[in-house]
């Protein structure tokens, strides 16, 4: 991807486009593109490729029983399910 970005960058730059215009054209932040262009592309840098992936449905987690939360102050909250624990943590953070 880096090599392709640099190969796209220089001709567009010669046409008068700014780096702030070129970056979004190829889906990169201009600072990333600037760093790549400034450093050049190493000939040893391999071409990135893609591998096929398979998305599978995750299995539901086994619920073992009520959750107990105990604070170091001694406060103890018992009987929470996962949703209640998530809400408690959200409110405390």
PDB file of N, CA and C in Angstrom:
ATOM      1  N   UNK A   1       0.818  -1.181   0.000  1.00  0.00           N
ATOM      2  CA  UNK A   1       0.000   0.000   0.000  1.00  0.00           C
ATOM      3  C   UNK A   1       0.868   1.255   0.000  1.00  0.00           C
ATOM      4  N   UNK A   2       1.945   1.220   0.778  1.00  0.00           N
ATOM      5  CA  UNK A   2       2.822   2.382   0.850  1.00  0.00           C
ATOM      6  C   UNK A   2       3.406   2.698  -0.520  1.00  0.00           C
ATOM      7  N   UNK A   3       3.878   1.680  -1.183  1.00  0.00           N
ATOM      8  CA  UNK A   3       4.476   1.885  -2.508  1.00  0.00           C
ATOM      9  C   UNK A   3       3.443   2.473  -3.476  1.00  0.00           C
ATOM     10  N   UNK A   4       2.238   1.943  -3.448  1.00  0.00           N
ATOM     11  CA  UNK A   4       1.185   2.442  -4.337  1.00  0.00           C
ATOM     12  C   UNK A   4       0.825   3.889  -4.000  1.00  0.00           C
ATOM     13  N   UNK A   5       0.804   4.226  -2.731  1.00  0.00           N
ATOM     14  CA  UNK A   5       0.494   5.598  -2.328  1.00  0.00           C
ATOM     15  C   UNK A   5       1.551   6.565  -2.844  1.00  0.00           C
ATOM     16  N   UNK A   6       2.817   6.188  -2.733  1.00  0.00           N
ATOM     17  CA  UNK A   6       3.905   7.052  -3.204  1.00  0.00           C
ATOM     18  C   UNK A   6       3.873   7.176  -4.719  1.00  0.00           C
ATOM     19  N   UNK A   7       3.592   6.075  -5.406  1.00  0.00           N
ATOM     20  CA  UNK A   7       3.508   6.120  -6.871  1.00  0.00           C
ATOM     21  C   UNK A   7       2.362   7.019  -7.323  1.00  0.00           C
ATOM     22  N   UNK A   8       1.302   7.097  -6.541  1.00  0.00           N
ATOM     23  CA  UNK A   8       0.185   7.983  -6.858  1.00  0.00           C
ATOM     24  C   UNK A   8       0.523   9.427  -6.478  1.00  0.00           C
ATOM     25  N   UNK A   9       1.224   9.588  -5.365  1.00  0.00           N
ATOM     26  CA  UNK A   9       1.506  10.910  -4.817  1.00  0.00           C
ATOM     27  C   UNK A   9       2.322  11.791  -5.756  1.00  0.00           C
ATOM     28  N   UNK A  10       3.462  11.300  -6.246  1.00  0.00           N
ATOM     29  CA  UNK A  10       4.372  12.167  -7.004  1.00  0.00           C
ATOM     30  C   UNK A  10       3.760  12.723  -8.287  1.00  0.00           C
ATOM     31  N   UNK A  11       3.090  11.953  -9.122  1.00  0.00           N
ATOM     32  CA  UNK A  11       2.462  12.557 -10.309  1.00  0.00           C
ATOM     33  C   UNK A  11       1.390  13.592  -9.944  1.00  0.00           C
ATOM     34  N   UNK A  12       0.604  13.311  -8.883  1.00  0.00           N
ATOM     35  CA  UNK A  12      -0.419  14.276  -8.461  1.00  0.00           C
ATOM     36  C   UNK A  12       0.235  15.547  -7.933  1.00  0.00           C
ATOM     37  N   UNK A  13       1.349  15.395  -7.252  1.00  0.00           N
ATOM     38  CA  UNK A  13       2.083  16.555  -6.726  1.00  0.00           C
ATOM     39  C   UNK A  13       2.613  17.395  -7.887  1.00  0.00           C
ATOM     40  N   UNK A  14       3.114  16.717  -8.931  1.00  0.00           N
ATOM     41  CA  UNK A  14       3.611  17.423 -10.121  1.00  0.00           C
ATOM     42  C   UNK A  14       2.498  18.177 -10.837  1.00  0.00           C
ATOM     43  N   UNK A  15       1.261  17.687 -10.703  1.00  0.00           N
ATOM     44  CA  UNK A  15       0.110  18.370 -11.305  1.00  0.00           C
ATOM     45  C   UNK A  15      -0.296  19.606 -10.502  1.00  0.00           C
ATOM     46  N   UNK A  16       0.281  19.771  -9.314  1.00  0.00           N
ATOM     47  CA  UNK A  16      -0.025  20.941  -8.494  1.00  0.00           C
ATOM     48  C   UNK A  16      -0.934  20.670  -7.317  1.00  0.00           C
ATOM     49  N   UNK A  17      -1.332  19.424  -7.111  1.00  0.00           N
ATOM     50  CA  UNK A  17      -2.193  19.094  -5.972  1.00  0.00           C
ATOM     51  C   UNK A  17      -1.388  19.180  -4.679  1.00  0.00           C
ATOM     52  N   UNK A  18      -2.041  19.618  -3.627  1.00  0.00           N
ATOM     53  CA  UNK A  18      -1.371  19.685  -2.327  1.00  0.00           C
ATOM     54  C   UNK A  18      -1.458  18.334  -1.634  1.00  0.00           C
ATOM     55  N   UNK A  19      -0.583  18.144  -0.670  1.00  0.00           N
ATOM     56  CA  UNK A  19      -0.596  16.882   0.069  1.00  0.00           C
ATOM     57  C   UNK A  19      -1.899  16.729   0.851  1.00  0.00           C
ATOM     58  N   UNK A  20      -2.481  17.855   1.283  1.00  0.00           N
ATOM     59  CA  UNK A  20      -3.762  17.809   1.997  1.00  0.00           C
ATOM     60  C   UNK A  20      -4.902  17.376   1.078  1.00  0.00           C
ATOM     61  N   UNK A  21      -4.757  17.580  -0.215  1.00  0.00           N
ATOM     62  CA  UNK A  21      -5.761  17.123  -1.179  1.00  0.00           C
ATOM     63  C   UNK A  21      -5.525  15.664  -1.563  1.00  0.00           C
ATOM     64  N   UNK A  22      -4.260  15.305  -1.708  1.00  0.00           N
ATOM     65  CA  UNK A  22      -3.914  13.960  -2.191  1.00  0.00           C
ATOM     66  C   UNK A  22      -4.219  12.894  -1.144  1.00  0.00           C
ATOM     67  N   UNK A  23      -3.903  13.172   0.120  1.00  0.00           N
ATOM     68  CA  UNK A  23      -4.127  12.190   1.179  1.00  0.00           C
ATOM     69  C   UNK A  23      -5.537  11.633   1.197  1.00  0.00           C
ATOM     70  N   UNK A  24      -6.564  12.485   1.290  1.00  0.00           N
ATOM     71  CA  UNK A  24      -7.937  11.976   1.302  1.00  0.00           C
ATOM     72  C   UNK A  24      -8.341  11.255   0.018  1.00  0.00           C
ATOM     73  N   UNK A  25      -7.717  11.613  -1.101  1.00  0.00           N
ATOM     74  CA  UNK A  25      -8.042  10.930  -2.356  1.00  0.00           C
ATOM     75  C   UNK A  25      -7.725   9.441  -2.277  1.00  0.00           C
ATOM     76  N   UNK A  26      -6.716   9.102  -1.480  1.00  0.00           N
ATOM     77  CA  UNK A  26      -6.328   7.691  -1.370  1.00  0.00           C
ATOM     78  C   UNK A  26      -6.593   7.123   0.025  1.00  0.00           C
ATOM     79  N   UNK A  27      -7.337   7.871   0.833  1.00  0.00           N
ATOM     80  CA  UNK A  27      -7.750   7.363   2.141  1.00  0.00           C
ATOM     81  C   UNK A  27      -6.688   7.420   3.216  1.00  0.00           C
ATOM     82  N   UNK A  28      -5.739   8.348   3.097  1.00  0.00           N
ATOM     83  CA  UNK A  28      -4.695   8.496   4.101  1.00  0.00           C
ATOM     84  C   UNK A  28      -4.730   9.895   4.689  1.00  0.00           C
ATOM     85  N   UNK A  29      -4.348  10.001   5.951  1.00  0.00           N
ATOM     86  CA  UNK A  29      -4.171  11.320   6.537  1.00  0.00           C
ATOM     87  C   UNK A  29      -2.949  11.935   5.872  1.00  0.00           C
ATOM     88  N   UNK A  30      -2.976  13.233   5.657  1.00  0.00           N
ATOM     89  CA  UNK A  30      -1.881  13.870   4.933  1.00  0.00           C
ATOM     90  C   UNK A  30      -0.549  13.710   5.653  1.00  0.00           C
ATOM     91  N   UNK A  31      -0.563  13.634   6.989  1.00  0.00           N
ATOM     92  CA  UNK A  31       0.699  13.471   7.722  1.00  0.00           C
ATOM     93  C   UNK A  31       1.319  12.101   7.458  1.00  0.00           C
ATOM     94  N   UNK A  32       0.482  11.082   7.346  1.00  0.00           N
ATOM     95  CA  UNK A  32       0.989   9.747   7.015  1.00  0.00           C
ATOM     96  C   UNK A  32       1.608   9.762   5.633  1.00  0.00           C
ATOM     97  N   UNK A  33       0.891  10.334   4.682  1.00  0.00           N
ATOM     98  CA  UNK A  33       1.396  10.412   3.314  1.00  0.00           C
ATOM     99  C   UNK A  33       2.683  11.219   3.257  1.00  0.00           C
ATOM    100  N   UNK A  34       2.756  12.304   4.000  1.00  0.00           N
ATOM    101  CA  UNK A  34       3.960  13.133   4.032  1.00  0.00           C
ATOM    102  C   UNK A  34       5.157  12.324   4.529  1.00  0.00           C
ATOM    103  N   UNK A  35       4.958  11.586   5.610  1.00  0.00           N
ATOM    104  CA  UNK A  35       6.043  10.766   6.147  1.00  0.00           C
ATOM    105  C   UNK A  35       6.510   9.716   5.159  1.00  0.00           C
ATOM    106  N   UNK A  36       5.568   9.093   4.471  1.00  0.00           N
ATOM    107  CA  UNK A  36       5.932   8.084   3.483  1.00  0.00           C
ATOM    108  C   UNK A  36       6.674   8.714   2.317  1.00  0.00           C
ATOM    109  N   UNK A  37       6.184   9.855   1.841  1.00  0.00           N
ATOM    110  CA  UNK A  37       6.811  10.512   0.687  1.00  0.00           C
ATOM    111  C   UNK A  37       8.193  11.038   1.051  1.00  0.00           C
ATOM    112  N   UNK A  38       8.332  11.572   2.240  1.00  0.00           N
ATOM    113  CA  UNK A  38       9.611  12.118   2.685  1.00  0.00           C
ATOM    114  C   UNK A  38      10.655  11.015   2.829  1.00  0.00           C
ATOM    115  N   UNK A  39      10.223   9.876   3.338  1.00  0.00           N
ATOM    116  CA  UNK A  39      11.149   8.775   3.560  1.00  0.00           C
ATOM    117  C   UNK A  39      11.367   7.907   2.340  1.00  0.00           C
ATOM    118  N   UNK A  40      10.554   8.088   1.318  1.00  0.00           N
ATOM    119  CA  UNK A  40      10.673   7.234   0.143  1.00  0.00           C
ATOM    120  C   UNK A  40      10.151   5.845   0.442  1.00  0.00           C
ATOM    121  N   UNK A  41      10.312   4.966  -0.495  1.00  0.00           N
ATOM    122  CA  UNK A  41       9.869   3.591  -0.336  1.00  0.00           C
ATOM    123  C   UNK A  41      11.080   2.695  -0.431  1.00  0.00           C
ATOM    124  N   UNK A  42      11.274   1.902   0.581  1.00  0.00           N
ATOM    125  CA  UNK A  42      12.398   0.983   0.583  1.00  0.00           C
ATOM    126  C   UNK A  42      12.187  -0.105  -0.456  1.00  0.00           C
ATOM    127  N   UNK A  43      13.218  -0.406  -1.254  1.00  0.00           N
ATOM    128  CA  UNK A  43      13.059  -1.491  -2.228  1.00  0.00           C
ATOM    129  C   UNK A  43      12.843  -2.841  -1.552  1.00  0.00           C
ATOM    130  N   UNK A  44      13.249  -2.962  -0.286  1.00  0.00           N
ATOM    131  CA  UNK A  44      13.062  -4.223   0.433  1.00  0.00           C
ATOM    132  C   UNK A  44      11.650  -4.353   0.990  1.00  0.00           C
ATOM    133  N   UNK A  45      10.887  -3.272   0.946  1.00  0.00           N
ATOM    134  CA  UNK A  45       9.542  -3.302   1.505  1.00  0.00           C
ATOM    135  C   UNK A  45       8.649  -4.201   0.662  1.00  0.00           C
ATOM    136  N   UNK A  46       8.142  -5.279   1.227  1.00  0.00           N
ATOM    137  CA  UNK A  46       7.302  -6.178   0.431  1.00  0.00           C
ATOM    138  C   UNK A  46       5.951  -5.543   0.125  1.00  0.00           C
ATOM    139  N   UNK A  47       5.370  -5.971  -0.964  1.00  0.00           N
ATOM    140  CA  UNK A  47       4.024  -5.523  -1.305  1.00  0.00           C
ATOM    141  C   UNK A  47       3.051  -6.188  -0.337  1.00  0.00           C
ATOM    142  N   UNK A  48       2.163  -5.404   0.204  1.00  0.00           N
ATOM    143  CA  UNK A  48       1.161  -5.946   1.118  1.00  0.00           C
ATOM    144  C   UNK A  48       0.117  -6.710   0.321  1.00  0.00           C
ATOM    145  N   UNK A  49      -0.377  -7.747   0.898  1.00  0.00           N
ATOM    146  CA  UNK A  49      -1.404  -8.533   0.237  1.00  0.00           C
ATOM    147  C   UNK A  49      -2.568  -8.779   1.173  1.00  0.00           C
ATOM    148  N   UNK A  50      -3.557  -9.398   0.652  1.00  0.00           N
ATOM    149  CA  UNK A  50      -4.732  -9.726   1.447  1.00  0.00           C
ATOM    150  C   UNK A  50      -4.917 -11.231   1.443  1.00  0.00           C
ATOM    151  N   UNK A  51      -5.461 -11.728   2.518  1.00  0.00           N
ATOM    152  CA  UNK A  51      -5.776 -13.142   2.631  1.00  0.00           C
ATOM    153  C   UNK A  51      -7.273 -13.273   2.844  1.00  0.00           C
ATOM    154  N   UNK A  52      -7.865 -14.334   2.326  1.00  0.00           N
ATOM    155  CA  UNK A  52      -9.296 -14.511   2.544  1.00  0.00           C
ATOM    156  C   UNK A  52      -9.571 -14.792   4.023  1.00  0.00           C
ATOM    157  N   UNK A  53     -10.687 -14.281   4.495  1.00  0.00           N
ATOM    158  CA  UNK A  53     -11.104 -14.519   5.870  1.00  0.00           C
ATOM    159  C   UNK A  53     -12.533 -15.019   5.873  1.00  0.00           C
ATOM    160  N   UNK A  54     -12.885 -15.703   6.925  1.00  0.00           N
ATOM    161  CA  UNK A  54     -14.248 -16.181   7.089  1.00  0.00           C
ATOM    162  C   UNK A  54     -14.775 -15.627   8.401  1.00  0.00           C
ATOM    163  N   UNK A  55     -15.908 -14.973   8.350  1.00  0.00           N
ATOM    164  CA  UNK A  55     -16.513 -14.414   9.550  1.00  0.00           C
ATOM    165  C   UNK A  55     -17.538 -15.414  10.059  1.00  0.00           C
ATOM    166  N   UNK A  56     -17.367 -15.803  11.320  1.00  0.00           N
ATOM    167  CA  UNK A  56     -18.284 -16.773  11.906  1.00  0.00           C
ATOM    168  C   UNK A  56     -18.996 -16.125  13.091  1.00  0.00           C
ATOM    169  N   UNK A  57     -20.145 -16.651  13.413  1.00  0.00           N
ATOM    170  CA  UNK A  57     -20.912 -16.127  14.535  1.00  0.00           C
ATOM    171  C   UNK A  57     -20.272 -16.596  15.835  1.00  0.00           C
ATOM    172  N   UNK A  58     -20.086 -15.674  16.753  1.00  0.00           N
ATOM    173  CA  UNK A  58     -19.480 -16.007  18.037  1.00  0.00           C
ATOM    174  C   UNK A  58     -20.478 -16.767  18.904  1.00  0.00           C
ATOM    175  N   UNK A  59     -19.960 -17.705  19.656  1.00  0.00           N
ATOM    176  CA  UNK A  59     -20.799 -18.458  20.577  1.00  0.00           C
ATOM    177  C   UNK A  59     -21.100 -17.607  21.800  1.00  0.00           C
ATOM    178  N   UNK A  60     -22.269 -17.758  22.339  1.00  0.00           N
ATOM    179  CA  UNK A  60     -22.654 -17.010  23.539  1.00  0.00           C
ATOM    180  C   UNK A  60     -21.826 -17.491  24.722  1.00  0.00           C
ATOM    181  N   UNK A  61     -21.428 -16.561  25.560  1.00  0.00           N
ATOM    182  CA  UNK A  61     -20.648 -16.915  26.743  1.00  0.00           C
ATOM    183  C   UNK A  61     -21.543 -17.642  27.744  1.00  0.00           C
ATOM    184  N   UNK A  62     -20.965 -18.622  28.391  1.00  0.00           N
ATOM    185  CA  UNK A  62     -21.712 -19.377  29.395  1.00  0.00           C
ATOM    186  C   UNK A  62     -21.835 -18.538  30.664  1.00  0.00           C
ATOM    187  N   UNK A  63     -23.040 -18.384  31.147  1.00  0.00           N
ATOM    188  CA  UNK A  63     -23.269 -17.625  32.374  1.00  0.00           C
ATOM    189  C   UNK A  63     -23.231 -18.612  33.532  1.00  0.00           C
ATOM    190  N   UNK A  64     -22.373 -18.354  34.507  1.00  0.00           N
ATOM    191  CA  UNK A  64     -22.179 -19.297  35.603  1.00  0.00           C
ATOM    192  C   UNK A  64     -22.979 -18.946  36.851  1.00  0.00           C
ATOM    193  N   UNK A  65     -23.528 -17.781  36.895  1.00  0.00           N
ATOM    194  CA  UNK A  65     -24.282 -17.391  38.084  1.00  0.00           C
ATOM    195  C   UNK A  65     -24.148 -15.900  38.309  1.00  0.00           C
ATOM    196  N   UNK A  66     -24.748 -15.419  39.389  1.00  0.00           N
ATOM    197  CA  UNK A  66     -24.681 -13.984  39.650  1.00  0.00           C
ATOM    198  C   UNK A  66     -23.245 -13.531  39.906  1.00  0.00           C
ATOM    199  N   UNK A  67     -22.967 -12.308  39.494  1.00  0.00           N
ATOM    200  CA  UNK A  67     -21.634 -11.733  39.655  1.00  0.00           C
ATOM    201  C   UNK A  67     -21.602 -10.961  40.966  1.00  0.00           C
ATOM    202  N   UNK A  68     -20.479 -11.053  41.654  1.00  0.00           N
ATOM    203  CA  UNK A  68     -20.280 -10.336  42.910  1.00  0.00           C
ATOM    204  C   UNK A  68     -19.144  -9.344  42.701  1.00  0.00           C
ATOM    205  N   UNK A  69     -19.382  -8.087  43.082  1.00  0.00           N
ATOM    206  CA  UNK A  69     -18.349  -7.055  43.006  1.00  0.00           C
ATOM    207  C   UNK A  69     -18.034  -6.629  44.429  1.00  0.00           C
ATOM    208  N   UNK A  70     -16.740  -6.675  44.779  1.00  0.00           N
ATOM    209  CA  UNK A  70     -16.344  -6.275  46.120  1.00  0.00           C
ATOM    210  C   UNK A  70     -15.254  -5.222  45.999  1.00  0.00           C
ATOM    211  N   UNK A  71     -15.491  -4.075  46.648  1.00  0.00           N
ATOM    212  CA  UNK A  71     -14.534  -2.971  46.632  1.00  0.00           C
ATOM    213  C   UNK A  71     -13.593  -3.119  47.820  1.00  0.00           C
ATOM    214  N   UNK A  72     -12.404  -2.557  47.711  1.00  0.00           N
ATOM    215  CA  UNK A  72     -11.439  -2.672  48.810  1.00  0.00           C
ATOM    216  C   UNK A  72     -11.916  -1.988  50.092  1.00  0.00           C
ATOM    217  N   UNK A  73     -12.897  -1.091  49.980  1.00  0.00           N
ATOM    218  CA  UNK A  73     -13.459  -0.429  51.168  1.00  0.00           C
ATOM    219  C   UNK A  73     -14.379  -1.359  51.952  1.00  0.00           C
ATOM    220  N   UNK A  74     -14.718  -2.500  51.352  1.00  0.00           N
ATOM    221  CA  UNK A  74     -15.621  -3.435  52.002  1.00  0.00           C
ATOM    222  C   UNK A  74     -17.005  -3.468  51.378  1.00  0.00           C
ATOM    223  N   UNK A  75     -17.314  -2.472  50.551  1.00  0.00           N
ATOM    224  CA  UNK A  75     -18.597  -2.459  49.857  1.00  0.00           C
ATOM    225  C   UNK A  75     -18.700  -3.703  48.980  1.00  0.00           C
ATOM    226  N   UNK A  76     -19.832  -4.379  49.065  1.00  0.00           N
ATOM    227  CA  UNK A  76     -20.037  -5.611  48.301  1.00  0.00           C
ATOM    228  C   UNK A  76     -21.386  -5.533  47.601  1.00  0.00           C
ATOM    229  N   UNK A  77     -21.385  -5.793  46.295  1.00  0.00           N
ATOM    230  CA  UNK A  77     -22.614  -5.799  45.505  1.00  0.00           C
ATOM    231  C   UNK A  77     -22.767  -7.206  44.949  1.00  0.00           C
ATOM    232  N   UNK A  78     -23.886  -7.853  45.271  1.00  0.00           N
ATOM    233  CA  UNK A  78     -24.112  -9.231  44.849  1.00  0.00           C
ATOM    234  C   UNK A  78     -25.321  -9.327  43.933  1.00  0.00           C
ATOM    235  N   UNK A  79     -25.346 -10.389  43.134  1.00  0.00           N
ATOM    236  CA  UNK A  79     -26.509 -10.699  42.324  1.00  0.00           C
ATOM    237  C   UNK A  79     -26.572  -9.992  40.982  1.00  0.00           C
ATOM    238  N   UNK A  80     -25.472  -9.451  40.530  1.00  0.00           N
ATOM    239  CA  UNK A  80     -25.470  -8.746  39.246  1.00  0.00           C
ATOM    240  C   UNK A  80     -25.414  -9.730  38.081  1.00  0.00           C
ATOM    241  N   UNK A  81     -26.142  -9.405  37.034  1.00  0.00           N
ATOM    242  CA  UNK A  81     -25.932 -10.137  35.791  1.00  0.00           C
ATOM    243  C   UNK A  81     -24.954  -9.304  34.957  1.00  0.00           C
ATOM    244  N   UNK A  82     -24.594  -9.790  33.790  1.00  0.00           N
ATOM    245  CA  UNK A  82     -23.584  -9.121  32.979  1.00  0.00           C
ATOM    246  C   UNK A  82     -24.018  -7.716  32.577  1.00  0.00           C
ATOM    247  N   UNK A  83     -25.282  -7.536  32.204  1.00  0.00           N
ATOM    248  CA  UNK A  83     -25.772  -6.209  31.813  1.00  0.00           C
ATOM    249  C   UNK A  83     -25.718  -5.229  32.986  1.00  0.00           C
ATOM    250  N   UNK A  84     -26.098  -5.693  34.165  1.00  0.00           N
ATOM    251  CA  UNK A  84     -26.073  -4.827  35.346  1.00  0.00           C
ATOM    252  C   UNK A  84     -24.639  -4.458  35.713  1.00  0.00           C
ATOM    253  N   UNK A  85     -23.712  -5.401  35.586  1.00  0.00           N
ATOM    254  CA  UNK A  85     -22.310  -5.116  35.860  1.00  0.00           C
ATOM    255  C   UNK A  85     -21.775  -4.080  34.878  1.00  0.00           C
ATOM    256  N   UNK A  86     -22.108  -4.241  33.608  1.00  0.00           N
ATOM    257  CA  UNK A  86     -21.659  -3.278  32.594  1.00  0.00           C
ATOM    258  C   UNK A  86     -22.199  -1.887  32.900  1.00  0.00           C
ATOM    259  N   UNK A  87     -23.455  -1.798  33.305  1.00  0.00           N
ATOM    260  CA  UNK A  87     -24.058  -0.506  33.646  1.00  0.00           C
ATOM    261  C   UNK A  87     -23.390   0.094  34.881  1.00  0.00           C
ATOM    262  N   UNK A  88     -23.112  -0.725  35.876  1.00  0.00           N
ATOM    263  CA  UNK A  88     -22.440  -0.247  37.078  1.00  0.00           C
ATOM    264  C   UNK A  88     -21.072   0.323  36.731  1.00  0.00           C
ATOM    265  N   UNK A  89     -20.302  -0.407  35.953  1.00  0.00           N
ATOM    266  CA  UNK A  89     -18.967   0.060  35.570  1.00  0.00           C
ATOM    267  C   UNK A  89     -19.043   1.328  34.729  1.00  0.00           C
ATOM    268  N   UNK A  90     -20.037   1.409  33.861  1.00  0.00           N
ATOM    269  CA  UNK A  90     -20.201   2.607  33.035  1.00  0.00           C
ATOM    270  C   UNK A  90     -20.470   3.826  33.914  1.00  0.00           C
ATOM    271  N   UNK A  91     -21.328   3.648  34.905  1.00  0.00           N
ATOM    272  CA  UNK A  91     -21.680   4.779  35.770  1.00  0.00           C
ATOM    273  C   UNK A  91     -20.541   5.179  36.699  1.00  0.00           C
ATOM    274  N   UNK A  92     -19.717   4.230  37.070  1.00  0.00           N
ATOM    275  CA  UNK A  92     -18.602   4.531  37.966  1.00  0.00           C
ATOM    276  C   UNK A  92     -17.403   5.134  37.244  1.00  0.00           C
ATOM    277  N   UNK A  93     -17.359   4.971  35.944  1.00  0.00           N
ATOM    278  CA  UNK A  93     -16.180   5.482  35.224  1.00  0.00           C
ATOM    279  C   UNK A  93     -16.356   6.911  34.786  1.00  0.00           C
TER     280      UNK A  93
END
